[in-house]
PDB file of N, CA and C in Angstrom:
ATOM      1  N   UNK A   1      50.126 -63.088   7.417  1.00  0.00           N
ATOM      2  CA  UNK A   1      50.472 -64.455   7.767  1.00  0.00           C
ATOM      3  C   UNK A   1      51.692 -64.930   6.986  1.00  0.00           C
ATOM      4  N   UNK A   2      52.241 -64.084   6.187  1.00  0.00           N
ATOM      5  CA  UNK A   2      53.408 -64.481   5.417  1.00  0.00           C
ATOM      6  C   UNK A   2      54.589 -64.680   6.348  1.00  0.00           C
ATOM      7  N   UNK A   3      55.208 -65.851   6.255  1.00  0.00           N
ATOM      8  CA  UNK A   3      56.394 -66.130   7.040  1.00  0.00           C
ATOM      9  C   UNK A   3      56.115 -66.544   8.472  1.00  0.00           C
ATOM     10  N   UNK A   4      54.889 -66.591   8.887  1.00  0.00           N
ATOM     11  CA  UNK A   4      54.560 -66.975  10.260  1.00  0.00           C
ATOM     12  C   UNK A   4      54.074 -68.412  10.267  1.00  0.00           C
ATOM     13  N   UNK A   5      54.390 -69.107  11.304  1.00  0.00           N
ATOM     14  CA  UNK A   5      53.896 -70.475  11.431  1.00  0.00           C
ATOM     15  C   UNK A   5      52.577 -70.448  12.193  1.00  0.00           C
ATOM     16  N   UNK A   6      51.757 -71.422  11.914  1.00  0.00           N
ATOM     17  CA  UNK A   6      50.467 -71.507  12.602  1.00  0.00           C
ATOM     18  C   UNK A   6      50.461 -72.748  13.475  1.00  0.00           C
ATOM     19  N   UNK A   7      49.694 -72.707  14.541  1.00  0.00           N
ATOM     20  CA  UNK A   7      49.648 -73.885  15.413  1.00  0.00           C
ATOM     21  C   UNK A   7      49.026 -75.081  14.689  1.00  0.00           C
ATOM     22  N   UNK A   8      49.435 -76.251  15.074  1.00  0.00           N
ATOM     23  CA  UNK A   8      48.938 -77.491  14.469  1.00  0.00           C
ATOM     24  C   UNK A   8      47.413 -77.587  14.607  1.00  0.00           C
ATOM     25  N   UNK A   9      46.845 -77.003  15.655  1.00  0.00           N
ATOM     26  CA  UNK A   9      45.399 -77.069  15.867  1.00  0.00           C
ATOM     27  C   UNK A   9      44.636 -76.293  14.797  1.00  0.00           C
ATOM     28  N   UNK A  10      45.317 -75.310  14.157  1.00  0.00           N
ATOM     29  CA  UNK A  10      44.669 -74.533  13.096  1.00  0.00           C
ATOM     30  C   UNK A  10      44.762 -75.208  11.732  1.00  0.00           C
ATOM     31  N   UNK A  11      45.501 -76.301  11.652  1.00  0.00           N
ATOM     32  CA  UNK A  11      45.619 -77.037  10.397  1.00  0.00           C
ATOM     33  C   UNK A  11      44.248 -77.600  10.013  1.00  0.00           C
ATOM     34  N   UNK A  12      43.993 -77.729   8.741  1.00  0.00           N
ATOM     35  CA  UNK A  12      42.685 -78.243   8.323  1.00  0.00           C
ATOM     36  C   UNK A  12      42.559 -79.717   8.648  1.00  0.00           C
ATOM     37  N   UNK A  13      41.368 -80.157   8.841  1.00  0.00           N
ATOM     38  CA  UNK A  13      41.136 -81.569   9.133  1.00  0.00           C
ATOM     39  C   UNK A  13      41.243 -82.416   7.869  1.00  0.00           C
ATOM     40  N   UNK A  14      41.396 -81.785   6.700  1.00  0.00           N
ATOM     41  CA  UNK A  14      41.519 -82.525   5.445  1.00  0.00           C
ATOM     42  C   UNK A  14      42.972 -82.708   5.006  1.00  0.00           C
ATOM     43  N   UNK A  15      43.909 -82.441   5.886  1.00  0.00           N
ATOM     44  CA  UNK A  15      45.311 -82.432   5.484  1.00  0.00           C
ATOM     45  C   UNK A  15      45.801 -83.793   4.995  1.00  0.00           C
ATOM     46  N   UNK A  16      45.231 -84.855   5.470  1.00  0.00           N
ATOM     47  CA  UNK A  16      45.691 -86.177   5.026  1.00  0.00           C
ATOM     48  C   UNK A  16      44.760 -86.786   3.986  1.00  0.00           C
ATOM     49  N   UNK A  17      43.818 -86.022   3.460  1.00  0.00           N
ATOM     50  CA  UNK A  17      42.840 -86.547   2.510  1.00  0.00           C
ATOM     51  C   UNK A  17      43.171 -86.061   1.093  1.00  0.00           C
ATOM     52  N   UNK A  18      42.932 -86.919   0.113  1.00  0.00           N
ATOM     53  CA  UNK A  18      43.120 -86.528  -1.280  1.00  0.00           C
ATOM     54  C   UNK A  18      41.854 -85.786  -1.724  1.00  0.00           C
ATOM     55  N   UNK A  19      41.969 -84.488  -1.900  1.00  0.00           N
ATOM     56  CA  UNK A  19      40.793 -83.676  -2.208  1.00  0.00           C
ATOM     57  C   UNK A  19      40.218 -83.995  -3.587  1.00  0.00           C
ATOM     58  N   UNK A  20      41.060 -84.341  -4.528  1.00  0.00           N
ATOM     59  CA  UNK A  20      40.578 -84.659  -5.875  1.00  0.00           C
ATOM     60  C   UNK A  20      39.641 -85.866  -5.841  1.00  0.00           C
ATOM     61  N   UNK A  21      40.059 -86.873  -5.115  1.00  0.00           N
ATOM     62  CA  UNK A  21      39.233 -88.086  -5.016  1.00  0.00           C
ATOM     63  C   UNK A  21      37.910 -87.764  -4.309  1.00  0.00           C
ATOM     64  N   UNK A  22      37.969 -86.953  -3.259  1.00  0.00           N
ATOM     65  CA  UNK A  22      36.757 -86.562  -2.539  1.00  0.00           C
ATOM     66  C   UNK A  22      35.821 -85.746  -3.414  1.00  0.00           C
ATOM     67  N   UNK A  23      36.394 -84.842  -4.220  1.00  0.00           N
ATOM     68  CA  UNK A  23      35.572 -84.037  -5.120  1.00  0.00           C
ATOM     69  C   UNK A  23      34.881 -84.912  -6.148  1.00  0.00           C
ATOM     70  N   UNK A  24      35.606 -85.856  -6.729  1.00  0.00           N
ATOM     71  CA  UNK A  24      34.999 -86.734  -7.739  1.00  0.00           C
ATOM     72  C   UNK A  24      33.854 -87.552  -7.149  1.00  0.00           C
ATOM     73  N   UNK A  25      34.019 -88.025  -5.919  1.00  0.00           N
ATOM     74  CA  UNK A  25      32.937 -88.760  -5.261  1.00  0.00           C
ATOM     75  C   UNK A  25      31.722 -87.851  -5.055  1.00  0.00           C
ATOM     76  N   UNK A  26      31.986 -86.637  -4.595  1.00  0.00           N
ATOM     77  CA  UNK A  26      30.912 -85.675  -4.355  1.00  0.00           C
ATOM     78  C   UNK A  26      30.230 -85.280  -5.662  1.00  0.00           C
ATOM     79  N   UNK A  27      31.004 -85.119  -6.703  1.00  0.00           N
ATOM     80  CA  UNK A  27      30.462 -84.749  -8.006  1.00  0.00           C
ATOM     81  C   UNK A  27      29.553 -85.847  -8.553  1.00  0.00           C
ATOM     82  N   UNK A  28      29.889 -87.103  -8.321  1.00  0.00           N
ATOM     83  CA  UNK A  28      29.039 -88.209  -8.782  1.00  0.00           C
ATOM     84  C   UNK A  28      27.694 -88.213  -8.075  1.00  0.00           C
ATOM     85  N   UNK A  29      27.680 -87.803  -6.821  1.00  0.00           N
ATOM     86  CA  UNK A  29      26.439 -87.789  -6.048  1.00  0.00           C
ATOM     87  C   UNK A  29      25.608 -86.553  -6.363  1.00  0.00           C
ATOM     88  N   UNK A  30      26.238 -85.374  -6.397  1.00  0.00           N
ATOM     89  CA  UNK A  30      25.501 -84.123  -6.546  1.00  0.00           C
ATOM     90  C   UNK A  30      25.304 -83.685  -7.996  1.00  0.00           C
ATOM     91  N   UNK A  31      26.106 -84.192  -8.894  1.00  0.00           N
ATOM     92  CA  UNK A  31      26.040 -83.792 -10.310  1.00  0.00           C
ATOM     93  C   UNK A  31      26.082 -82.269 -10.436  1.00  0.00           C
ATOM     94  N   UNK A  32      27.220 -81.700 -10.097  1.00  0.00           N
ATOM     95  CA  UNK A  32      27.399 -80.253 -10.164  1.00  0.00           C
ATOM     96  C   UNK A  32      27.260 -79.782 -11.604  1.00  0.00           C
ATOM     97  N   UNK A  33      26.486 -78.743 -11.800  1.00  0.00           N
ATOM     98  CA  UNK A  33      26.228 -78.202 -13.130  1.00  0.00           C
ATOM     99  C   UNK A  33      26.600 -76.733 -13.152  1.00  0.00           C
ATOM    100  N   UNK A  34      26.953 -76.208 -14.328  1.00  0.00           N
ATOM    101  CA  UNK A  34      27.213 -74.762 -14.399  1.00  0.00           C
ATOM    102  C   UNK A  34      25.930 -73.985 -14.142  1.00  0.00           C
ATOM    103  N   UNK A  35      26.085 -72.765 -13.673  1.00  0.00           N
ATOM    104  CA  UNK A  35      24.936 -71.918 -13.373  1.00  0.00           C
ATOM    105  C   UNK A  35      24.187 -71.609 -14.671  1.00  0.00           C
ATOM    106  N   UNK A  36      22.978 -72.086 -14.777  1.00  0.00           N
ATOM    107  CA  UNK A  36      22.156 -71.891 -15.970  1.00  0.00           C
ATOM    108  C   UNK A  36      20.941 -71.057 -15.586  1.00  0.00           C
ATOM    109  N   UNK A  37      20.655 -70.043 -16.374  1.00  0.00           N
ATOM    110  CA  UNK A  37      19.482 -69.201 -16.100  1.00  0.00           C
ATOM    111  C   UNK A  37      18.215 -70.021 -16.271  1.00  0.00           C
ATOM    112  N   UNK A  38      17.203 -69.687 -15.523  1.00  0.00           N
ATOM    113  CA  UNK A  38      15.951 -70.422 -15.585  1.00  0.00           C
ATOM    114  C   UNK A  38      14.980 -69.845 -16.608  1.00  0.00           C
ATOM    115  N   UNK A  39      15.444 -68.915 -17.433  1.00  0.00           N
ATOM    116  CA  UNK A  39      14.583 -68.336 -18.452  1.00  0.00           C
ATOM    117  C   UNK A  39      13.860 -67.084 -17.998  1.00  0.00           C
ATOM    118  N   UNK A  40      13.830 -66.848 -16.711  1.00  0.00           N
ATOM    119  CA  UNK A  40      13.107 -65.686 -16.198  1.00  0.00           C
ATOM    120  C   UNK A  40      13.855 -64.393 -16.481  1.00  0.00           C
ATOM    121  N   UNK A  41      15.183 -64.451 -16.496  1.00  0.00           N
ATOM    122  CA  UNK A  41      15.970 -63.247 -16.761  1.00  0.00           C
ATOM    123  C   UNK A  41      15.711 -62.765 -18.186  1.00  0.00           C
ATOM    124  N   UNK A  42      15.703 -63.698 -19.125  1.00  0.00           N
ATOM    125  CA  UNK A  42      15.434 -63.339 -20.515  1.00  0.00           C
ATOM    126  C   UNK A  42      14.062 -62.717 -20.688  1.00  0.00           C
ATOM    127  N   UNK A  43      13.065 -63.264 -20.008  1.00  0.00           N
ATOM    128  CA  UNK A  43      11.722 -62.712 -20.143  1.00  0.00           C
ATOM    129  C   UNK A  43      11.621 -61.335 -19.503  1.00  0.00           C
ATOM    130  N   UNK A  44      12.347 -61.112 -18.414  1.00  0.00           N
ATOM    131  CA  UNK A  44      12.355 -59.789 -17.773  1.00  0.00           C
ATOM    132  C   UNK A  44      13.055 -58.780 -18.686  1.00  0.00           C
ATOM    133  N   UNK A  45      14.151 -59.200 -19.326  1.00  0.00           N
ATOM    134  CA  UNK A  45      14.859 -58.308 -20.242  1.00  0.00           C
ATOM    135  C   UNK A  45      13.969 -57.937 -21.436  1.00  0.00           C
ATOM    136  N   UNK A  46      13.253 -58.913 -21.978  1.00  0.00           N
ATOM    137  CA  UNK A  46      12.345 -58.637 -23.104  1.00  0.00           C
ATOM    138  C   UNK A  46      11.227 -57.691 -22.671  1.00  0.00           C
ATOM    139  N   UNK A  47      10.684 -57.902 -21.495  1.00  0.00           N
ATOM    140  CA  UNK A  47       9.625 -57.031 -20.978  1.00  0.00           C
ATOM    141  C   UNK A  47      10.151 -55.613 -20.762  1.00  0.00           C
ATOM    142  N   UNK A  48      11.352 -55.491 -20.208  1.00  0.00           N
ATOM    143  CA  UNK A  48      11.945 -54.168 -19.993  1.00  0.00           C
ATOM    144  C   UNK A  48      12.159 -53.455 -21.328  1.00  0.00           C
ATOM    145  N   UNK A  49      12.589 -54.177 -22.355  1.00  0.00           N
ATOM    146  CA  UNK A  49      12.787 -53.565 -23.667  1.00  0.00           C
ATOM    147  C   UNK A  49      11.454 -53.108 -24.266  1.00  0.00           C
ATOM    148  N   UNK A  50      10.406 -53.912 -24.091  1.00  0.00           N
ATOM    149  CA  UNK A  50       9.084 -53.518 -24.597  1.00  0.00           C
ATOM    150  C   UNK A  50       8.585 -52.260 -23.888  1.00  0.00           C
ATOM    151  N   UNK A  51       8.798 -52.180 -22.585  1.00  0.00           N
ATOM    152  CA  UNK A  51       8.385 -50.997 -21.826  1.00  0.00           C
ATOM    153  C   UNK A  51       9.173 -49.780 -22.298  1.00  0.00           C
ATOM    154  N   UNK A  52      10.467 -49.946 -22.499  1.00  0.00           N
ATOM    155  CA  UNK A  52      11.318 -48.858 -22.978  1.00  0.00           C
ATOM    156  C   UNK A  52      10.850 -48.384 -24.352  1.00  0.00           C
ATOM    157  N   UNK A  53      10.525 -49.315 -25.247  1.00  0.00           N
ATOM    158  CA  UNK A  53      10.037 -48.951 -26.581  1.00  0.00           C
ATOM    159  C   UNK A  53       8.706 -48.201 -26.498  1.00  0.00           C
ATOM    160  N   UNK A  54       7.811 -48.657 -25.613  1.00  0.00           N
ATOM    161  CA  UNK A  54       6.512 -48.003 -25.470  1.00  0.00           C
ATOM    162  C   UNK A  54       6.665 -46.580 -24.926  1.00  0.00           C
ATOM    163  N   UNK A  55       7.552 -46.415 -23.948  1.00  0.00           N
ATOM    164  CA  UNK A  55       7.783 -45.081 -23.391  1.00  0.00           C
ATOM    165  C   UNK A  55       8.365 -44.164 -24.452  1.00  0.00           C
ATOM    166  N   UNK A  56       9.310 -44.677 -25.242  1.00  0.00           N
ATOM    167  CA  UNK A  56       9.931 -43.869 -26.296  1.00  0.00           C
ATOM    168  C   UNK A  56       8.899 -43.441 -27.328  1.00  0.00           C
ATOM    169  N   UNK A  57       8.006 -44.335 -27.705  1.00  0.00           N
ATOM    170  CA  UNK A  57       6.947 -43.983 -28.668  1.00  0.00           C
ATOM    171  C   UNK A  57       6.043 -42.901 -28.090  1.00  0.00           C
ATOM    172  N   UNK A  58       5.775 -42.998 -26.811  1.00  0.00           N
ATOM    173  CA  UNK A  58       4.928 -42.008 -26.146  1.00  0.00           C
ATOM    174  C   UNK A  58       5.614 -40.638 -26.099  1.00  0.00           C
ATOM    175  N   UNK A  59       6.939 -40.636 -25.935  1.00  0.00           N
ATOM    176  CA  UNK A  59       7.693 -39.385 -25.809  1.00  0.00           C
ATOM    177  C   UNK A  59       8.006 -38.710 -27.139  1.00  0.00           C
ATOM    178  N   UNK A  60       7.921 -39.414 -28.256  1.00  0.00           N
ATOM    179  CA  UNK A  60       8.314 -38.831 -29.547  1.00  0.00           C
ATOM    180  C   UNK A  60       7.644 -37.489 -29.827  1.00  0.00           C
ATOM    181  N   UNK A  61       6.308 -37.377 -29.750  1.00  0.00           N
ATOM    182  CA  UNK A  61       5.690 -36.071 -30.020  1.00  0.00           C
ATOM    183  C   UNK A  61       6.135 -34.984 -29.040  1.00  0.00           C
ATOM    184  N   UNK A  62       6.301 -35.355 -27.787  1.00  0.00           N
ATOM    185  CA  UNK A  62       6.729 -34.389 -26.782  1.00  0.00           C
ATOM    186  C   UNK A  62       8.153 -33.912 -27.062  1.00  0.00           C
ATOM    187  N   UNK A  63       9.028 -34.828 -27.465  1.00  0.00           N
ATOM    188  CA  UNK A  63      10.407 -34.466 -27.788  1.00  0.00           C
ATOM    189  C   UNK A  63      10.427 -33.508 -28.970  1.00  0.00           C
ATOM    190  N   UNK A  64       9.633 -33.804 -29.986  1.00  0.00           N
ATOM    191  CA  UNK A  64       9.561 -32.908 -31.154  1.00  0.00           C
ATOM    192  C   UNK A  64       9.102 -31.508 -30.723  1.00  0.00           C
ATOM    193  N   UNK A  65       8.090 -31.464 -29.876  1.00  0.00           N
ATOM    194  CA  UNK A  65       7.557 -30.188 -29.407  1.00  0.00           C
ATOM    195  C   UNK A  65       8.598 -29.425 -28.567  1.00  0.00           C
ATOM    196  N   UNK A  66       9.304 -30.126 -27.693  1.00  0.00           N
ATOM    197  CA  UNK A  66      10.327 -29.476 -26.871  1.00  0.00           C
ATOM    198  C   UNK A  66      11.475 -28.940 -27.727  1.00  0.00           C
ATOM    199  N   UNK A  67      11.847 -29.673 -28.779  1.00  0.00           N
ATOM    200  CA  UNK A  67      12.897 -29.208 -29.689  1.00  0.00           C
ATOM    201  C   UNK A  67      12.439 -27.947 -30.401  1.00  0.00           C
ATOM    202  N   UNK A  68      11.207 -27.933 -30.860  1.00  0.00           N
ATOM    203  CA  UNK A  68      10.676 -26.755 -31.551  1.00  0.00           C
ATOM    204  C   UNK A  68      10.631 -25.547 -30.601  1.00  0.00           C
ATOM    205  N   UNK A  69      10.251 -25.775 -29.345  1.00  0.00           N
ATOM    206  CA  UNK A  69      10.216 -24.694 -28.370  1.00  0.00           C
ATOM    207  C   UNK A  69      11.611 -24.122 -28.129  1.00  0.00           C
ATOM    208  N   UNK A  70      12.607 -25.000 -28.029  1.00  0.00           N
ATOM    209  CA  UNK A  70      13.969 -24.527 -27.829  1.00  0.00           C
ATOM    210  C   UNK A  70      14.457 -23.735 -29.031  1.00  0.00           C
ATOM    211  N   UNK A  71      14.106 -24.206 -30.211  1.00  0.00           N
ATOM    212  CA  UNK A  71      14.523 -23.497 -31.419  1.00  0.00           C
ATOM    213  C   UNK A  71      13.862 -22.123 -31.471  1.00  0.00           C
ATOM    214  N   UNK A  72      12.603 -22.039 -31.075  1.00  0.00           N
ATOM    215  CA  UNK A  72      11.875 -20.772 -31.110  1.00  0.00           C
ATOM    216  C   UNK A  72      12.418 -19.788 -30.071  1.00  0.00           C
ATOM    217  N   UNK A  73      12.859 -20.314 -28.939  1.00  0.00           N
ATOM    218  CA  UNK A  73      13.376 -19.449 -27.878  1.00  0.00           C
ATOM    219  C   UNK A  73      14.847 -19.098 -28.077  1.00  0.00           C
ATOM    220  N   UNK A  74      15.479 -19.709 -29.060  1.00  0.00           N
ATOM    221  CA  UNK A  74      16.877 -19.421 -29.330  1.00  0.00           C
ATOM    222  C   UNK A  74      17.849 -20.067 -28.370  1.00  0.00           C
ATOM    223  N   UNK A  75      17.406 -21.122 -27.663  1.00  0.00           N
ATOM    224  CA  UNK A  75      18.294 -21.823 -26.739  1.00  0.00           C
ATOM    225  C   UNK A  75      19.174 -22.839 -27.447  1.00  0.00           C
ATOM    226  N   UNK A  76      19.002 -22.957 -28.730  1.00  0.00           N
ATOM    227  CA  UNK A  76      19.738 -23.974 -29.465  1.00  0.00           C
ATOM    228  C   UNK A  76      21.229 -23.692 -29.477  1.00  0.00           C
ATOM    229  N   UNK A  77      21.615 -22.445 -29.289  1.00  0.00           N
ATOM    230  CA  UNK A  77      23.016 -22.108 -29.238  1.00  0.00           C
ATOM    231  C   UNK A  77      23.628 -21.851 -30.603  1.00  0.00           C
ATOM    232  N   UNK A  78      22.816 -21.762 -31.623  1.00  0.00           N
ATOM    233  CA  UNK A  78      23.320 -21.477 -32.963  1.00  0.00           C
ATOM    234  C   UNK A  78      22.585 -20.268 -33.523  1.00  0.00           C
ATOM    235  N   UNK A  79      23.230 -19.620 -34.439  1.00  0.00           N
ATOM    236  CA  UNK A  79      22.602 -18.501 -35.135  1.00  0.00           C
ATOM    237  C   UNK A  79      22.202 -19.005 -36.514  1.00  0.00           C
ATOM    238  N   UNK A  80      20.984 -18.821 -36.880  1.00  0.00           N
ATOM    239  CA  UNK A  80      20.514 -19.275 -38.188  1.00  0.00           C
ATOM    240  C   UNK A  80      19.738 -20.566 -38.089  1.00  0.00           C
ATOM    241  N   UNK A  81      19.877 -21.403 -39.099  1.00  0.00           N
ATOM    242  CA  UNK A  81      19.108 -22.644 -39.172  1.00  0.00           C
ATOM    243  C   UNK A  81      19.714 -23.727 -38.284  1.00  0.00           C
ATOM    244  N   UNK A  82      18.842 -24.497 -37.714  1.00  0.00           N
ATOM    245  CA  UNK A  82      19.282 -25.634 -36.911  1.00  0.00           C
ATOM    246  C   UNK A  82      18.624 -26.880 -37.476  1.00  0.00           C
ATOM    247  N   UNK A  83      19.398 -27.926 -37.604  1.00  0.00           N
ATOM    248  CA  UNK A  83      18.857 -29.166 -38.152  1.00  0.00           C
ATOM    249  C   UNK A  83      18.033 -29.876 -37.077  1.00  0.00           C
ATOM    250  N   UNK A  84      16.824 -30.250 -37.442  1.00  0.00           N
ATOM    251  CA  UNK A  84      15.918 -30.959 -36.533  1.00  0.00           C
ATOM    252  C   UNK A  84      16.366 -32.425 -36.447  1.00  0.00           C
ATOM    253  N   UNK A  85      16.631 -32.937 -35.233  1.00  0.00           N
ATOM    254  CA  UNK A  85      17.013 -34.342 -35.112  1.00  0.00           C
ATOM    255  C   UNK A  85      15.890 -35.254 -35.608  1.00  0.00           C
ATOM    256  N   UNK A  86      16.264 -36.340 -36.278  1.00  0.00           N
ATOM    257  CA  UNK A  86      15.275 -37.289 -36.779  1.00  0.00           C
ATOM    258  C   UNK A  86      14.916 -38.254 -35.650  1.00  0.00           C
ATOM    259  N   UNK A  87      13.865 -37.943 -34.958  1.00  0.00           N
ATOM    260  CA  UNK A  87      13.445 -38.727 -33.800  1.00  0.00           C
ATOM    261  C   UNK A  87      13.028 -40.139 -34.216  1.00  0.00           C
ATOM    262  N   UNK A  88      12.508 -40.280 -35.426  1.00  0.00           N
ATOM    263  CA  UNK A  88      12.052 -41.601 -35.885  1.00  0.00           C
ATOM    264  C   UNK A  88      13.201 -42.586 -36.068  1.00  0.00           C
ATOM    265  N   UNK A  89      14.403 -42.098 -36.293  1.00  0.00           N
ATOM    266  CA  UNK A  89      15.547 -42.993 -36.498  1.00  0.00           C
ATOM    267  C   UNK A  89      16.365 -43.202 -35.226  1.00  0.00           C
ATOM    268  N   UNK A  90      15.951 -42.581 -34.145  1.00  0.00           N
ATOM    269  CA  UNK A  90      16.665 -42.735 -32.875  1.00  0.00           C
ATOM    270  C   UNK A  90      16.234 -44.022 -32.175  1.00  0.00           C
ATOM    271  N   UNK A  91      17.151 -44.547 -31.364  1.00  0.00           N
ATOM    272  CA  UNK A  91      16.802 -45.716 -30.556  1.00  0.00           C
ATOM    273  C   UNK A  91      15.920 -45.267 -29.395  1.00  0.00           C
ATOM    274  N   UNK A  92      15.293 -46.210 -28.757  1.00  0.00           N
ATOM    275  CA  UNK A  92      14.431 -45.904 -27.608  1.00  0.00           C
ATOM    276  C   UNK A  92      15.230 -45.216 -26.511  1.00  0.00           C
ATOM    277  N   UNK A  93      16.431 -45.697 -26.260  1.00  0.00           N
ATOM    278  CA  UNK A  93      17.262 -45.115 -25.213  1.00  0.00           C
ATOM    279  C   UNK A  93      17.635 -43.671 -25.555  1.00  0.00           C
ATOM    280  N   UNK A  94      17.952 -43.401 -26.815  1.00  0.00           N
ATOM    281  CA  UNK A  94      18.303 -42.043 -27.224  1.00  0.00           C
ATOM    282  C   UNK A  94      17.123 -41.091 -27.063  1.00  0.00           C
ATOM    283  N   UNK A  95      15.926 -41.561 -27.408  1.00  0.00           N
ATOM    284  CA  UNK A  95      14.732 -40.719 -27.281  1.00  0.00           C
ATOM    285  C   UNK A  95      14.469 -40.379 -25.819  1.00  0.00           C
ATOM    286  N   UNK A  96      14.566 -41.374 -24.951  1.00  0.00           N
ATOM    287  CA  UNK A  96      14.318 -41.145 -23.529  1.00  0.00           C
ATOM    288  C   UNK A  96      15.381 -40.206 -22.948  1.00  0.00           C
ATOM    289  N   UNK A  97      16.654 -40.408 -23.332  1.00  0.00           N
ATOM    290  CA  UNK A  97      17.721 -39.517 -22.863  1.00  0.00           C
ATOM    291  C   UNK A  97      17.484 -38.080 -23.328  1.00  0.00           C
ATOM    292  N   UNK A  98      17.093 -37.916 -24.593  1.00  0.00           N
ATOM    293  CA  UNK A  98      16.832 -36.583 -25.134  1.00  0.00           C
ATOM    294  C   UNK A  98      15.643 -35.936 -24.420  1.00  0.00           C
ATOM    295  N   UNK A  99      14.601 -36.718 -24.167  1.00  0.00           N
ATOM    296  CA  UNK A  99      13.442 -36.202 -23.435  1.00  0.00           C
ATOM    297  C   UNK A  99      13.863 -35.704 -22.050  1.00  0.00           C
ATOM    298  N   UNK A 100      14.658 -36.500 -21.349  1.00  0.00           N
ATOM    299  CA  UNK A 100      15.096 -36.106 -20.007  1.00  0.00           C
ATOM    300  C   UNK A 100      15.948 -34.845 -20.056  1.00  0.00           C
ATOM    301  N   UNK A 101      16.823 -34.753 -21.043  1.00  0.00           N
ATOM    302  CA  UNK A 101      17.673 -33.575 -21.191  1.00  0.00           C
ATOM    303  C   UNK A 101      16.826 -32.335 -21.482  1.00  0.00           C
ATOM    304  N   UNK A 102      15.876 -32.450 -22.422  1.00  0.00           N
ATOM    305  CA  UNK A 102      15.046 -31.313 -22.796  1.00  0.00           C
ATOM    306  C   UNK A 102      14.086 -30.906 -21.678  1.00  0.00           C
ATOM    307  N   UNK A 103      13.538 -31.890 -20.975  1.00  0.00           N
ATOM    308  CA  UNK A 103      12.588 -31.554 -19.916  1.00  0.00           C
ATOM    309  C   UNK A 103      13.283 -30.922 -18.715  1.00  0.00           C
ATOM    310  N   UNK A 104      14.542 -31.232 -18.468  1.00  0.00           N
ATOM    311  CA  UNK A 104      15.285 -30.572 -17.385  1.00  0.00           C
ATOM    312  C   UNK A 104      15.527 -29.125 -17.720  1.00  0.00           C
ATOM    313  N   UNK A 105      15.797 -28.851 -18.994  1.00  0.00           N
ATOM    314  CA  UNK A 105      16.024 -27.472 -19.418  1.00  0.00           C
ATOM    315  C   UNK A 105      14.758 -26.639 -19.385  1.00  0.00           C
ATOM    316  N   UNK A 106      13.624 -27.292 -19.433  1.00  0.00           N
ATOM    317  CA  UNK A 106      12.322 -26.600 -19.452  1.00  0.00           C
ATOM    318  C   UNK A 106      11.960 -26.054 -18.085  1.00  0.00           C
ATOM    319  N   UNK A 107      12.425 -26.710 -17.030  1.00  0.00           N
ATOM    320  CA  UNK A 107      12.048 -26.343 -15.659  1.00  0.00           C
ATOM    321  C   UNK A 107      12.676 -25.074 -15.202  1.00  0.00           C
TER     322      UNK A 107
END
């Protein structure tokens, strides 16, 4: 539409109206407010974090066992001693990621 003229019939019906004044009138009636969360998102996020923490706690012994199995089978990719990851100091997300990685290798 750059450089092309449009027919007068396509012109907006607000062409002779002051939009600022109309907006202020509308704002006084509707009291427009910024989008504010209703608190449900925060509670869902907290619940999701609790579920993630519970799953990670459940997976800790299994992750330790899978690491030991890999070390025993020599899949660790190193010759000699291998340092055992400290599962207790890992975040929930790290534990779940490690579990998924180790369990895929098991299949």
